[in-house]
Amino acid sequence: MPDKQEEAKRQEGDKDSNEGIFMIKKYLGYYKIIVGVVLAAIMLFYVVTSTNEIRTMNEGLKKRIDMSIAISNDKFDVVQGRFNNIKGIFEGRFDNIEDNIKGNKKQELNLEI
């Protein structure tokens, strides 16, 4: 009889240990799922933030490029204005010289008459 009772106790112990192992495996499965979901959420967050950073960097670069183009256009306008001023000065001087020459010739003609 004691052998049968010991055998029955052993089987009950095996059932308890098997149930414990089953519970551990069950909860480990849940933990794996939870860890996987958390890792996926972290990776998704990283991807979203990095794309936002890239987008803001692109917008910043576009603004800087537009600013540099505007600055270069302003500088070109200034240079072109200075060139036109210099051109006008020289044209005016040459016009004055031509007028002076014509005026001198008229005076010479008037003196000869």
PDB file of N, CA and C in Angstrom:
ATOM      1  N   MET A   1       0.787  -1.199   0.000  1.00  0.00           N
ATOM      2  CA  MET A   1       0.000   0.000   0.000  1.00  0.00           C
ATOM      3  C   MET A   1       0.830   1.263   0.000  1.00  0.00           C
ATOM      4  N   PRO A   2       1.885   1.271   0.805  1.00  0.00           N
ATOM      5  CA  PRO A   2       2.643   2.510   0.816  1.00  0.00           C
ATOM      6  C   PRO A   2       3.200   2.829  -0.566  1.00  0.00           C
ATOM      7  N   ASP A   3       3.475   1.801  -1.339  1.00  0.00           N
ATOM      8  CA  ASP A   3       4.003   2.074  -2.679  1.00  0.00           C
ATOM      9  C   ASP A   3       2.956   2.777  -3.544  1.00  0.00           C
ATOM     10  N   LYS A   4       1.703   2.357  -3.413  1.00  0.00           N
ATOM     11  CA  LYS A   4       0.637   2.974  -4.201  1.00  0.00           C
ATOM     12  C   LYS A   4       0.410   4.418  -3.755  1.00  0.00           C
ATOM     13  N   GLN A   5       0.474   4.648  -2.461  1.00  0.00           N
ATOM     14  CA  GLN A   5       0.288   6.014  -1.957  1.00  0.00           C
ATOM     15  C   GLN A   5       1.446   6.913  -2.398  1.00  0.00           C
ATOM     16  N   GLU A   6       2.638   6.369  -2.320  1.00  0.00           N
ATOM     17  CA  GLU A   6       3.804   7.155  -2.769  1.00  0.00           C
ATOM     18  C   GLU A   6       3.709   7.446  -4.264  1.00  0.00           C
ATOM     19  N   GLU A   7       3.256   6.435  -5.002  1.00  0.00           N
ATOM     20  CA  GLU A   7       3.109   6.622  -6.452  1.00  0.00           C
ATOM     21  C   GLU A   7       2.050   7.689  -6.740  1.00  0.00           C
ATOM     22  N   ALA A   8       0.956   7.661  -5.983  1.00  0.00           N
ATOM     23  CA  ALA A   8      -0.105   8.650  -6.170  1.00  0.00           C
ATOM     24  C   ALA A   8       0.407  10.047  -5.822  1.00  0.00           C
ATOM     25  N   LYS A   9       1.185  10.157  -4.749  1.00  0.00           N
ATOM     26  CA  LYS A   9       1.756  11.452  -4.371  1.00  0.00           C
ATOM     27  C   LYS A   9       2.733  11.939  -5.428  1.00  0.00           C
ATOM     28  N   ARG A  10       3.500  11.019  -5.960  1.00  0.00           N
ATOM     29  CA  ARG A  10       4.460  11.398  -7.003  1.00  0.00           C
ATOM     30  C   ARG A  10       3.731  11.919  -8.238  1.00  0.00           C
ATOM     31  N   GLN A  11       2.658  11.250  -8.603  1.00  0.00           N
ATOM     32  CA  GLN A  11       1.907  11.677  -9.781  1.00  0.00           C
ATOM     33  C   GLN A  11       1.268  13.055  -9.544  1.00  0.00           C
ATOM     34  N   GLU A  12       0.766  13.265  -8.325  1.00  0.00           N
ATOM     35  CA  GLU A  12       0.212  14.579  -8.006  1.00  0.00           C
ATOM     36  C   GLU A  12       1.301  15.645  -8.053  1.00  0.00           C
ATOM     37  N   GLY A  13       2.464  15.307  -7.550  1.00  0.00           N
ATOM     38  CA  GLY A  13       3.594  16.240  -7.608  1.00  0.00           C
ATOM     39  C   GLY A  13       3.994  16.523  -9.042  1.00  0.00           C
ATOM     40  N   ASP A  14       3.979  15.485  -9.868  1.00  0.00           N
ATOM     41  CA  ASP A  14       4.301  15.679 -11.282  1.00  0.00           C
ATOM     42  C   ASP A  14       3.265  16.582 -11.950  1.00  0.00           C
ATOM     43  N   LYS A  15       1.983  16.388 -11.587  1.00  0.00           N
ATOM     44  CA  LYS A  15       0.939  17.237 -12.158  1.00  0.00           C
ATOM     45  C   LYS A  15       1.154  18.692 -11.743  1.00  0.00           C
ATOM     46  N   ASP A  16       1.463  18.883 -10.454  1.00  0.00           N
ATOM     47  CA  ASP A  16       1.700  20.244  -9.972  1.00  0.00           C
ATOM     48  C   ASP A  16       2.892  20.871 -10.679  1.00  0.00           C
ATOM     49  N   SER A  17       3.960  20.109 -10.805  1.00  0.00           N
ATOM     50  CA  SER A  17       5.148  20.658 -11.463  1.00  0.00           C
ATOM     51  C   SER A  17       4.874  20.898 -12.941  1.00  0.00           C
ATOM     52  N   ASN A  18       4.098  20.013 -13.574  1.00  0.00           N
ATOM     53  CA  ASN A  18       3.752  20.210 -14.985  1.00  0.00           C
ATOM     54  C   ASN A  18       2.870  21.443 -15.157  1.00  0.00           C
ATOM     55  N   GLU A  19       1.941  21.637 -14.233  1.00  0.00           N
ATOM     56  CA  GLU A  19       1.090  22.824 -14.305  1.00  0.00           C
ATOM     57  C   GLU A  19       1.922  24.088 -14.104  1.00  0.00           C
ATOM     58  N   GLY A  20       2.879  24.005 -13.196  1.00  0.00           N
ATOM     59  CA  GLY A  20       3.756  25.158 -12.970  1.00  0.00           C
ATOM     60  C   GLY A  20       4.580  25.477 -14.202  1.00  0.00           C
ATOM     61  N   ILE A  21       5.114  24.438 -14.829  1.00  0.00           N
ATOM     62  CA  ILE A  21       5.904  24.648 -16.051  1.00  0.00           C
ATOM     63  C   ILE A  21       5.014  25.218 -17.154  1.00  0.00           C
ATOM     64  N   PHE A  22       3.784  24.676 -17.257  1.00  0.00           N
ATOM     65  CA  PHE A  22       2.859  25.174 -18.262  1.00  0.00           C
ATOM     66  C   PHE A  22       2.533  26.647 -18.025  1.00  0.00           C
ATOM     67  N   MET A  23       2.324  27.013 -16.755  1.00  0.00           N
ATOM     68  CA  MET A  23       2.036  28.409 -16.414  1.00  0.00           C
ATOM     69  C   MET A  23       3.230  29.300 -16.745  1.00  0.00           C
ATOM     70  N   ILE A  24       4.427  28.813 -16.431  1.00  0.00           N
ATOM     71  CA  ILE A  24       5.632  29.595 -16.731  1.00  0.00           C
ATOM     72  C   ILE A  24       5.755  29.806 -18.233  1.00  0.00           C
ATOM     73  N   LYS A  25       5.560  28.733 -19.000  1.00  0.00           N
ATOM     74  CA  LYS A  25       5.644  28.854 -20.458  1.00  0.00           C
ATOM     75  C   LYS A  25       4.570  29.805 -20.987  1.00  0.00           C
ATOM     76  N   LYS A  26       3.380  29.708 -20.402  1.00  0.00           N
ATOM     77  CA  LYS A  26       2.281  30.571 -20.826  1.00  0.00           C
ATOM     78  C   LYS A  26       2.627  32.039 -20.573  1.00  0.00           C
ATOM     79  N   TYR A  27       3.103  32.346 -19.372  1.00  0.00           N
ATOM     80  CA  TYR A  27       3.431  33.735 -19.047  1.00  0.00           C
ATOM     81  C   TYR A  27       4.672  34.218 -19.790  1.00  0.00           C
ATOM     82  N   LEU A  28       5.626  33.311 -20.033  1.00  0.00           N
ATOM     83  CA  LEU A  28       6.782  33.704 -20.851  1.00  0.00           C
ATOM     84  C   LEU A  28       6.337  34.073 -22.259  1.00  0.00           C
ATOM     85  N   GLY A  29       5.365  33.367 -22.780  1.00  0.00           N
ATOM     86  CA  GLY A  29       4.812  33.711 -24.090  1.00  0.00           C
ATOM     87  C   GLY A  29       4.191  35.096 -24.077  1.00  0.00           C
ATOM     88  N   TYR A  30       3.448  35.403 -23.017  1.00  0.00           N
ATOM     89  CA  TYR A  30       2.856  36.736 -22.897  1.00  0.00           C
ATOM     90  C   TYR A  30       3.935  37.810 -22.790  1.00  0.00           C
ATOM     91  N   TYR A  31       4.961  37.514 -22.009  1.00  0.00           N
ATOM     92  CA  TYR A  31       6.046  38.489 -21.856  1.00  0.00           C
ATOM     93  C   TYR A  31       6.767  38.714 -23.178  1.00  0.00           C
ATOM     94  N   LYS A  32       6.949  37.649 -23.948  1.00  0.00           N
ATOM     95  CA  LYS A  32       7.586  37.803 -25.264  1.00  0.00           C
ATOM     96  C   LYS A  32       6.736  38.703 -26.162  1.00  0.00           C
ATOM     97  N   ILE A  33       5.431  38.490 -26.116  1.00  0.00           N
ATOM     98  CA  ILE A  33       4.538  39.319 -26.934  1.00  0.00           C
ATOM     99  C   ILE A  33       4.603  40.771 -26.477  1.00  0.00           C
ATOM    100  N   ILE A  34       4.569  40.992 -25.172  1.00  0.00           N
ATOM    101  CA  ILE A  34       4.617  42.356 -24.638  1.00  0.00           C
ATOM    102  C   ILE A  34       5.932  43.033 -25.001  1.00  0.00           C
ATOM    103  N   VAL A  35       7.040  42.307 -24.840  1.00  0.00           N
ATOM    104  CA  VAL A  35       8.347  42.876 -25.187  1.00  0.00           C
ATOM    105  C   VAL A  35       8.411  43.181 -26.678  1.00  0.00           C
ATOM    106  N   GLY A  36       7.872  42.313 -27.507  1.00  0.00           N
ATOM    107  CA  GLY A  36       7.853  42.554 -28.950  1.00  0.00           C
ATOM    108  C   GLY A  36       7.050  43.785 -29.312  1.00  0.00           C
ATOM    109  N   VAL A  37       5.894  43.954 -28.678  1.00  0.00           N
ATOM    110  CA  VAL A  37       5.052  45.126 -28.948  1.00  0.00           C
ATOM    111  C   VAL A  37       5.758  46.400 -28.500  1.00  0.00           C
ATOM    112  N   VAL A  38       6.399  46.353 -27.331  1.00  0.00           N
ATOM    113  CA  VAL A  38       7.118  47.530 -26.835  1.00  0.00           C
ATOM    114  C   VAL A  38       8.272  47.881 -27.771  1.00  0.00           C
ATOM    115  N   LEU A  39       9.029  46.877 -28.206  1.00  0.00           N
ATOM    116  CA  LEU A  39      10.138  47.141 -29.139  1.00  0.00           C
ATOM    117  C   LEU A  39       9.622  47.700 -30.463  1.00  0.00           C
ATOM    118  N   ALA A  40       8.512  47.154 -30.960  1.00  0.00           N
ATOM    119  CA  ALA A  40       7.940  47.669 -32.206  1.00  0.00           C
ATOM    120  C   ALA A  40       7.498  49.122 -32.036  1.00  0.00           C
ATOM    121  N   ALA A  41       6.910  49.449 -30.881  1.00  0.00           N
ATOM    122  CA  ALA A  41       6.482  50.832 -30.632  1.00  0.00           C
ATOM    123  C   ALA A  41       7.680  51.769 -30.562  1.00  0.00           C
ATOM    124  N   ILE A  42       8.753  51.324 -29.921  1.00  0.00           N
ATOM    125  CA  ILE A  42       9.963  52.156 -29.832  1.00  0.00           C
ATOM    126  C   ILE A  42      10.548  52.386 -31.219  1.00  0.00           C
ATOM    127  N   MET A  43      10.611  51.331 -32.026  1.00  0.00           N
ATOM    128  CA  MET A  43      11.166  51.481 -33.381  1.00  0.00           C
ATOM    129  C   MET A  43      10.284  52.393 -34.225  1.00  0.00           C
ATOM    130  N   LEU A  44       8.971  52.261 -34.103  1.00  0.00           N
ATOM    131  CA  LEU A  44       8.059  53.131 -34.846  1.00  0.00           C
ATOM    132  C   LEU A  44       8.230  54.585 -34.416  1.00  0.00           C
ATOM    133  N   PHE A  45       8.351  54.810 -33.121  1.00  0.00           N
ATOM    134  CA  PHE A  45       8.590  56.162 -32.607  1.00  0.00           C
ATOM    135  C   PHE A  45       9.888  56.727 -33.171  1.00  0.00           C
ATOM    136  N   TYR A  46      10.937  55.912 -33.202  1.00  0.00           N
ATOM    137  CA  TYR A  46      12.227  56.357 -33.738  1.00  0.00           C
ATOM    138  C   TYR A  46      12.108  56.710 -35.217  1.00  0.00           C
ATOM    139  N   VAL A  47      11.410  55.880 -35.976  1.00  0.00           N
ATOM    140  CA  VAL A  47      11.254  56.145 -37.413  1.00  0.00           C
ATOM    141  C   VAL A  47      10.475  57.435 -37.632  1.00  0.00           C
ATOM    142  N   VAL A  48       9.404  57.625 -36.876  1.00  0.00           N
ATOM    143  CA  VAL A  48       8.579  58.835 -37.042  1.00  0.00           C
ATOM    144  C   VAL A  48       9.374  60.079 -36.672  1.00  0.00           C
ATOM    145  N   THR A  49      10.093  60.030 -35.549  1.00  0.00           N
ATOM    146  CA  THR A  49      10.858  61.217 -35.145  1.00  0.00           C
ATOM    147  C   THR A  49      11.994  61.496 -36.111  1.00  0.00           C
ATOM    148  N   SER A  50      12.635  60.459 -36.621  1.00  0.00           N
ATOM    149  CA  SER A  50      13.738  60.698 -37.557  1.00  0.00           C
ATOM    150  C   SER A  50      13.219  61.264 -38.872  1.00  0.00           C
ATOM    151  N   THR A  51      12.055  60.795 -39.344  1.00  0.00           N
ATOM    152  CA  THR A  51      11.507  61.370 -40.579  1.00  0.00           C
ATOM    153  C   THR A  51      11.082  62.812 -40.354  1.00  0.00           C
ATOM    154  N   ASN A  52      10.553  63.131 -39.172  1.00  0.00           N
ATOM    155  CA  ASN A  52      10.207  64.527 -38.875  1.00  0.00           C
ATOM    156  C   ASN A  52      11.454  65.393 -38.843  1.00  0.00           C
ATOM    157  N   GLU A  53      12.540  64.870 -38.256  1.00  0.00           N
ATOM    158  CA  GLU A  53      13.792  65.626 -38.226  1.00  0.00           C
ATOM    159  C   GLU A  53      14.313  65.838 -39.635  1.00  0.00           C
ATOM    160  N   ILE A  54      14.242  64.814 -40.463  1.00  0.00           N
ATOM    161  CA  ILE A  54      14.705  64.946 -41.851  1.00  0.00           C
ATOM    162  C   ILE A  54      13.852  65.974 -42.578  1.00  0.00           C
ATOM    163  N   ARG A  55      12.532  65.923 -42.347  1.00  0.00           N
ATOM    164  CA  ARG A  55      11.635  66.875 -43.009  1.00  0.00           C
ATOM    165  C   ARG A  55      11.949  68.302 -42.577  1.00  0.00           C
ATOM    166  N   THR A  56      12.158  68.508 -41.281  1.00  0.00           N
ATOM    167  CA  THR A  56      12.474  69.857 -40.812  1.00  0.00           C
ATOM    168  C   THR A  56      13.841  70.300 -41.311  1.00  0.00           C
ATOM    169  N   MET A  57      14.783  69.356 -41.421  1.00  0.00           N
ATOM    170  CA  MET A  57      16.095  69.711 -41.969  1.00  0.00           C
ATOM    171  C   MET A  57      15.958  70.123 -43.423  1.00  0.00           C
ATOM    172  N   ASN A  58      15.141  69.392 -44.201  1.00  0.00           N
ATOM    173  CA  ASN A  58      14.935  69.753 -45.601  1.00  0.00           C
ATOM    174  C   ASN A  58      14.287  71.122 -45.721  1.00  0.00           C
ATOM    175  N   GLU A  59      13.284  71.397 -44.876  1.00  0.00           N
ATOM    176  CA  GLU A  59      12.640  72.712 -44.914  1.00  0.00           C
ATOM    177  C   GLU A  59      13.628  73.807 -44.539  1.00  0.00           C
ATOM    178  N   GLY A  60      14.472  73.534 -43.548  1.00  0.00           N
ATOM    179  CA  GLY A  60      15.492  74.507 -43.152  1.00  0.00           C
ATOM    180  C   GLY A  60      16.476  74.764 -44.271  1.00  0.00           C
ATOM    181  N   LEU A  61      16.883  73.692 -44.960  1.00  0.00           N
ATOM    182  CA  LEU A  61      17.806  73.865 -46.086  1.00  0.00           C
ATOM    183  C   LEU A  61      17.148  74.653 -47.210  1.00  0.00           C
ATOM    184  N   LYS A  62      15.868  74.361 -47.477  1.00  0.00           N
ATOM    185  CA  LYS A  62      15.170  75.115 -48.522  1.00  0.00           C
ATOM    186  C   LYS A  62      15.103  76.595 -48.168  1.00  0.00           C
ATOM    187  N   LYS A  63      14.815  76.902 -46.892  1.00  0.00           N
ATOM    188  CA  LYS A  63      14.769  78.302 -46.468  1.00  0.00           C
ATOM    189  C   LYS A  63      16.132  78.949 -46.610  1.00  0.00           C
ATOM    190  N   ARG A  64      17.186  78.230 -46.228  1.00  0.00           N
ATOM    191  CA  ARG A  64      18.530  78.798 -46.350  1.00  0.00           C
ATOM    192  C   ARG A  64      18.897  79.017 -47.813  1.00  0.00           C
ATOM    193  N   ILE A  65      18.537  78.071 -48.666  1.00  0.00           N
ATOM    194  CA  ILE A  65      18.828  78.228 -50.092  1.00  0.00           C
ATOM    195  C   ILE A  65      18.070  79.426 -50.644  1.00  0.00           C
ATOM    196  N   ASP A  66      16.777  79.540 -50.284  1.00  0.00           N
ATOM    197  CA  ASP A  66      15.991  80.691 -50.741  1.00  0.00           C
ATOM    198  C   ASP A  66      16.583  81.999 -50.239  1.00  0.00           C
ATOM    199  N   MET A  67      17.029  82.001 -48.970  1.00  0.00           N
ATOM    200  CA  MET A  67      17.650  83.211 -48.430  1.00  0.00           C
ATOM    201  C   MET A  67      18.929  83.543 -49.173  1.00  0.00           C
ATOM    202  N   SER A  68      19.747  82.532 -49.449  1.00  0.00           N
ATOM    203  CA  SER A  68      21.007  82.803 -50.141  1.00  0.00           C
ATOM    204  C   SER A  68      20.749  83.280 -51.562  1.00  0.00           C
ATOM    205  N   ILE A  69      19.726  82.732 -52.208  1.00  0.00           N
ATOM    206  CA  ILE A  69      19.381  83.202 -53.555  1.00  0.00           C
ATOM    207  C   ILE A  69      18.914  84.651 -53.487  1.00  0.00           C
ATOM    208  N   ALA A  70      18.083  84.972 -52.494  1.00  0.00           N
ATOM    209  CA  ALA A  70      17.605  86.353 -52.351  1.00  0.00           C
ATOM    210  C   ALA A  70      18.762  87.296 -52.071  1.00  0.00           C
ATOM    211  N   ILE A  71      19.685  86.872 -51.212  1.00  0.00           N
ATOM    212  CA  ILE A  71      20.849  87.712 -50.907  1.00  0.00           C
ATOM    213  C   ILE A  71      21.699  87.902 -52.150  1.00  0.00           C
ATOM    214  N   SER A  72      21.912  86.816 -52.909  1.00  0.00           N
ATOM    215  CA  SER A  72      22.731  86.952 -54.113  1.00  0.00           C
ATOM    216  C   SER A  72      22.025  87.829 -55.140  1.00  0.00           C
ATOM    217  N   ASN A  73      20.687  87.732 -55.229  1.00  0.00           N
ATOM    218  CA  ASN A  73      19.950  88.609 -56.143  1.00  0.00           C
ATOM    219  C   ASN A  73      20.077  90.066 -55.713  1.00  0.00           C
ATOM    220  N   ASP A  74      19.986  90.307 -54.401  1.00  0.00           N
ATOM    221  CA  ASP A  74      20.159  91.674 -53.902  1.00  0.00           C
ATOM    222  C   ASP A  74      21.556  92.188 -54.215  1.00  0.00           C
ATOM    223  N   LYS A  75      22.553  91.349 -53.994  1.00  0.00           N
ATOM    224  CA  LYS A  75      23.929  91.762 -54.290  1.00  0.00           C
ATOM    225  C   LYS A  75      24.090  92.011 -55.780  1.00  0.00           C
ATOM    226  N   PHE A  76      23.472  91.171 -56.609  1.00  0.00           N
ATOM    227  CA  PHE A  76      23.548  91.379 -58.050  1.00  0.00           C
ATOM    228  C   PHE A  76      22.894  92.696 -58.431  1.00  0.00           C
ATOM    229  N   ASP A  77      21.739  92.986 -57.818  1.00  0.00           N
ATOM    230  CA  ASP A  77      21.070  94.261 -58.100  1.00  0.00           C
ATOM    231  C   ASP A  77      21.945  95.437 -57.692  1.00  0.00           C
ATOM    232  N   VAL A  78      22.614  95.314 -56.548  1.00  0.00           N
ATOM    233  CA  VAL A  78      23.505  96.386 -56.098  1.00  0.00           C
ATOM    234  C   VAL A  78      24.653  96.552 -57.080  1.00  0.00           C
ATOM    235  N   VAL A  79      25.253  95.442 -57.487  1.00  0.00           N
ATOM    236  CA  VAL A  79      26.379  95.511 -58.433  1.00  0.00           C
ATOM    237  C   VAL A  79      25.909  96.070 -59.765  1.00  0.00           C
ATOM    238  N   GLN A  80      24.735  95.615 -60.206  1.00  0.00           N
ATOM    239  CA  GLN A  80      24.215  96.112 -61.472  1.00  0.00           C
ATOM    240  C   GLN A  80      23.915  97.609 -61.372  1.00  0.00           C
ATOM    241  N   GLY A  81      23.372  98.042 -60.238  1.00  0.00           N
ATOM    242  CA  GLY A  81      23.114  99.467 -60.041  1.00  0.00           C
ATOM    243  C   GLY A  81      24.398 100.273 -60.047  1.00  0.00           C
ATOM    244  N   ARG A  82      25.423  99.762 -59.379  1.00  0.00           N
ATOM    245  CA  ARG A  82      26.713 100.459 -59.385  1.00  0.00           C
ATOM    246  C   ARG A  82      27.288 100.510 -60.794  1.00  0.00           C
ATOM    247  N   PHE A  83      27.178  99.400 -61.519  1.00  0.00           N
ATOM    248  CA  PHE A  83      27.673  99.391 -62.897  1.00  0.00           C
ATOM    249  C   PHE A  83      26.931 100.425 -63.735  1.00  0.00           C
ATOM    250  N   ASN A  84      25.599 100.475 -63.559  1.00  0.00           N
ATOM    251  CA  ASN A  84      24.824 101.466 -64.314  1.00  0.00           C
ATOM    252  C   ASN A  84      25.211 102.884 -63.921  1.00  0.00           C
ATOM    253  N   ASN A  85      25.488 103.115 -62.636  1.00  0.00           N
ATOM    254  CA  ASN A  85      25.934 104.437 -62.204  1.00  0.00           C
ATOM    255  C   ASN A  85      27.258 104.792 -62.853  1.00  0.00           C
ATOM    256  N   ILE A  86      28.194 103.852 -62.824  1.00  0.00           N
ATOM    257  CA  ILE A  86      29.511 104.101 -63.434  1.00  0.00           C
ATOM    258  C   ILE A  86      29.355 104.312 -64.929  1.00  0.00           C
ATOM    259  N   LYS A  87      28.521 103.474 -65.547  1.00  0.00           N
ATOM    260  CA  LYS A  87      28.281 103.603 -66.980  1.00  0.00           C
ATOM    261  C   LYS A  87      27.679 104.977 -67.287  1.00  0.00           C
ATOM    262  N   GLY A  88      26.716 105.386 -66.445  1.00  0.00           N
ATOM    263  CA  GLY A  88      26.095 106.695 -66.634  1.00  0.00           C
ATOM    264  C   GLY A  88      27.087 107.821 -66.453  1.00  0.00           C
ATOM    265  N   ILE A  89      27.985 107.683 -65.484  1.00  0.00           N
ATOM    266  CA  ILE A  89      28.999 108.717 -65.260  1.00  0.00           C
ATOM    267  C   ILE A  89      29.879 108.849 -66.487  1.00  0.00           C
ATOM    268  N   PHE A  90      30.348 107.705 -66.998  1.00  0.00           N
ATOM    269  CA  PHE A  90      31.225 107.769 -68.172  1.00  0.00           C
ATOM    270  C   PHE A  90      30.480 108.261 -69.397  1.00  0.00           C
ATOM    271  N   GLU A  91      29.239 107.793 -69.571  1.00  0.00           N
ATOM    272  CA  GLU A  91      28.480 108.274 -70.722  1.00  0.00           C
ATOM    273  C   GLU A  91      28.238 109.772 -70.605  1.00  0.00           C
ATOM    274  N   GLY A  92      27.933 110.204 -69.394  1.00  0.00           N
ATOM    275  CA  GLY A  92      27.724 111.633 -69.185  1.00  0.00           C
ATOM    276  C   GLY A  92      28.984 112.426 -69.454  1.00  0.00           C
ATOM    277  N   ARG A  93      30.118 111.922 -69.021  1.00  0.00           N
ATOM    278  CA  ARG A  93      31.378 112.629 -69.256  1.00  0.00           C
ATOM    279  C   ARG A  93      31.685 112.683 -70.735  1.00  0.00           C
ATOM    280  N   PHE A  94      31.475 111.554 -71.411  1.00  0.00           N
ATOM    281  CA  PHE A  94      31.760 111.563 -72.841  1.00  0.00           C
ATOM    282  C   PHE A  94      30.781 112.464 -73.586  1.00  0.00           C
ATOM    283  N   ASP A  95      29.527 112.461 -73.129  1.00  0.00           N
ATOM    284  CA  ASP A  95      28.569 113.369 -73.748  1.00  0.00           C
ATOM    285  C   ASP A  95      29.002 114.813 -73.530  1.00  0.00           C
ATOM    286  N   ASN A  96      29.453 115.109 -72.323  1.00  0.00           N
ATOM    287  CA  ASN A  96      29.923 116.464 -72.040  1.00  0.00           C
ATOM    288  C   ASN A  96      31.127 116.800 -72.897  1.00  0.00           C
ATOM    289  N   ILE A  97      32.022 115.841 -73.062  1.00  0.00           N
ATOM    290  CA  ILE A  97      33.213 116.087 -73.893  1.00  0.00           C
ATOM    291  C   ILE A  97      32.786 116.351 -75.326  1.00  0.00           C
ATOM    292  N   GLU A  98      31.865 115.519 -75.826  1.00  0.00           N
ATOM    293  CA  GLU A  98      31.392 115.727 -77.193  1.00  0.00           C
ATOM    294  C   GLU A  98      30.693 117.081 -77.316  1.00  0.00           C
ATOM    295  N   ASP A  99      29.875 117.397 -76.306  1.00  0.00           N
ATOM    296  CA  ASP A  99      29.208 118.704 -76.332  1.00  0.00           C
ATOM    297  C   ASP A  99      30.231 119.831 -76.280  1.00  0.00           C
ATOM    298  N   ASN A 100      31.251 119.664 -75.459  1.00  0.00           N
ATOM    299  CA  ASN A 100      32.290 120.687 -75.376  1.00  0.00           C
ATOM    300  C   ASN A 100      33.016 120.823 -76.705  1.00  0.00           C
ATOM    301  N   ILE A 101      33.301 119.685 -77.342  1.00  0.00           N
ATOM    302  CA  ILE A 101      33.992 119.739 -78.639  1.00  0.00           C
ATOM    303  C   ILE A 101      33.101 120.437 -79.663  1.00  0.00           C
ATOM    304  N   LYS A 102      31.825 120.046 -79.691  1.00  0.00           N
ATOM    305  CA  LYS A 102      30.899 120.685 -80.621  1.00  0.00           C
ATOM    306  C   LYS A 102      30.765 122.172 -80.302  1.00  0.00           C
ATOM    307  N   GLY A 103      30.689 122.465 -79.015  1.00  0.00           N
ATOM    308  CA  GLY A 103      30.591 123.870 -78.603  1.00  0.00           C
ATOM    309  C   GLY A 103      31.837 124.642 -78.991  1.00  0.00           C
ATOM    310  N   ASN A 104      33.000 124.047 -78.819  1.00  0.00           N
ATOM    311  CA  ASN A 104      34.248 124.703 -79.196  1.00  0.00           C
ATOM    312  C   ASN A 104      34.286 124.932 -80.695  1.00  0.00           C
ATOM    313  N   LYS A 105      33.823 123.948 -81.470  1.00  0.00           N
ATOM    314  CA  LYS A 105      33.809 124.115 -82.926  1.00  0.00           C
ATOM    315  C   LYS A 105      32.855 125.239 -83.317  1.00  0.00           C
ATOM    316  N   LYS A 106      31.711 125.316 -82.632  1.00  0.00           N
ATOM    317  CA  LYS A 106      30.765 126.395 -82.926  1.00  0.00           C
ATOM    318  C   LYS A 106      31.382 127.742 -82.586  1.00  0.00           C
ATOM    319  N   GLN A 107      32.091 127.776 -81.464  1.00  0.00           N
ATOM    320  CA  GLN A 107      32.740 129.028 -81.088  1.00  0.00           C
ATOM    321  C   GLN A 107      33.804 129.391 -82.110  1.00  0.00           C
ATOM    322  N   GLU A 108      34.556 128.403 -82.579  1.00  0.00           N
ATOM    323  CA  GLU A 108      35.586 128.679 -83.583  1.00  0.00           C
ATOM    324  C   GLU A 108      34.951 129.191 -84.865  1.00  0.00           C
ATOM    325  N   LEU A 109      33.821 128.556 -85.238  1.00  0.00           N
ATOM    326  CA  LEU A 109      33.133 129.002 -86.442  1.00  0.00           C
ATOM    327  C   LEU A 109      32.611 130.427 -86.264  1.00  0.00           C
ATOM    328  N   ASN A 110      32.098 130.714 -85.090  1.00  0.00           N
ATOM    329  CA  ASN A 110      31.590 132.054 -84.811  1.00  0.00           C
ATOM    330  C   ASN A 110      32.727 133.066 -84.816  1.00  0.00           C
ATOM    331  N   LEU A 111      33.882 132.663 -84.326  1.00  0.00           N
ATOM    332  CA  LEU A 111      35.017 133.568 -84.305  1.00  0.00           C
ATOM    333  C   LEU A 111      35.528 133.828 -85.716  1.00  0.00           C
ATOM    334  N   GLU A 112      35.467 132.840 -86.564  1.00  0.00           N
ATOM    335  CA  GLU A 112      35.971 132.990 -87.922  1.00  0.00           C
ATOM    336  C   GLU A 112      35.049 133.875 -88.740  1.00  0.00           C
ATOM    337  N   ILE A 113      33.809 133.872 -88.424  1.00  0.00           N
ATOM    338  CA  ILE A 113      32.859 134.667 -89.193  1.00  0.00           C
ATOM    339  C   ILE A 113      33.028 136.085 -88.868  1.00  0.00           C
TER     340      ILE A 113
END
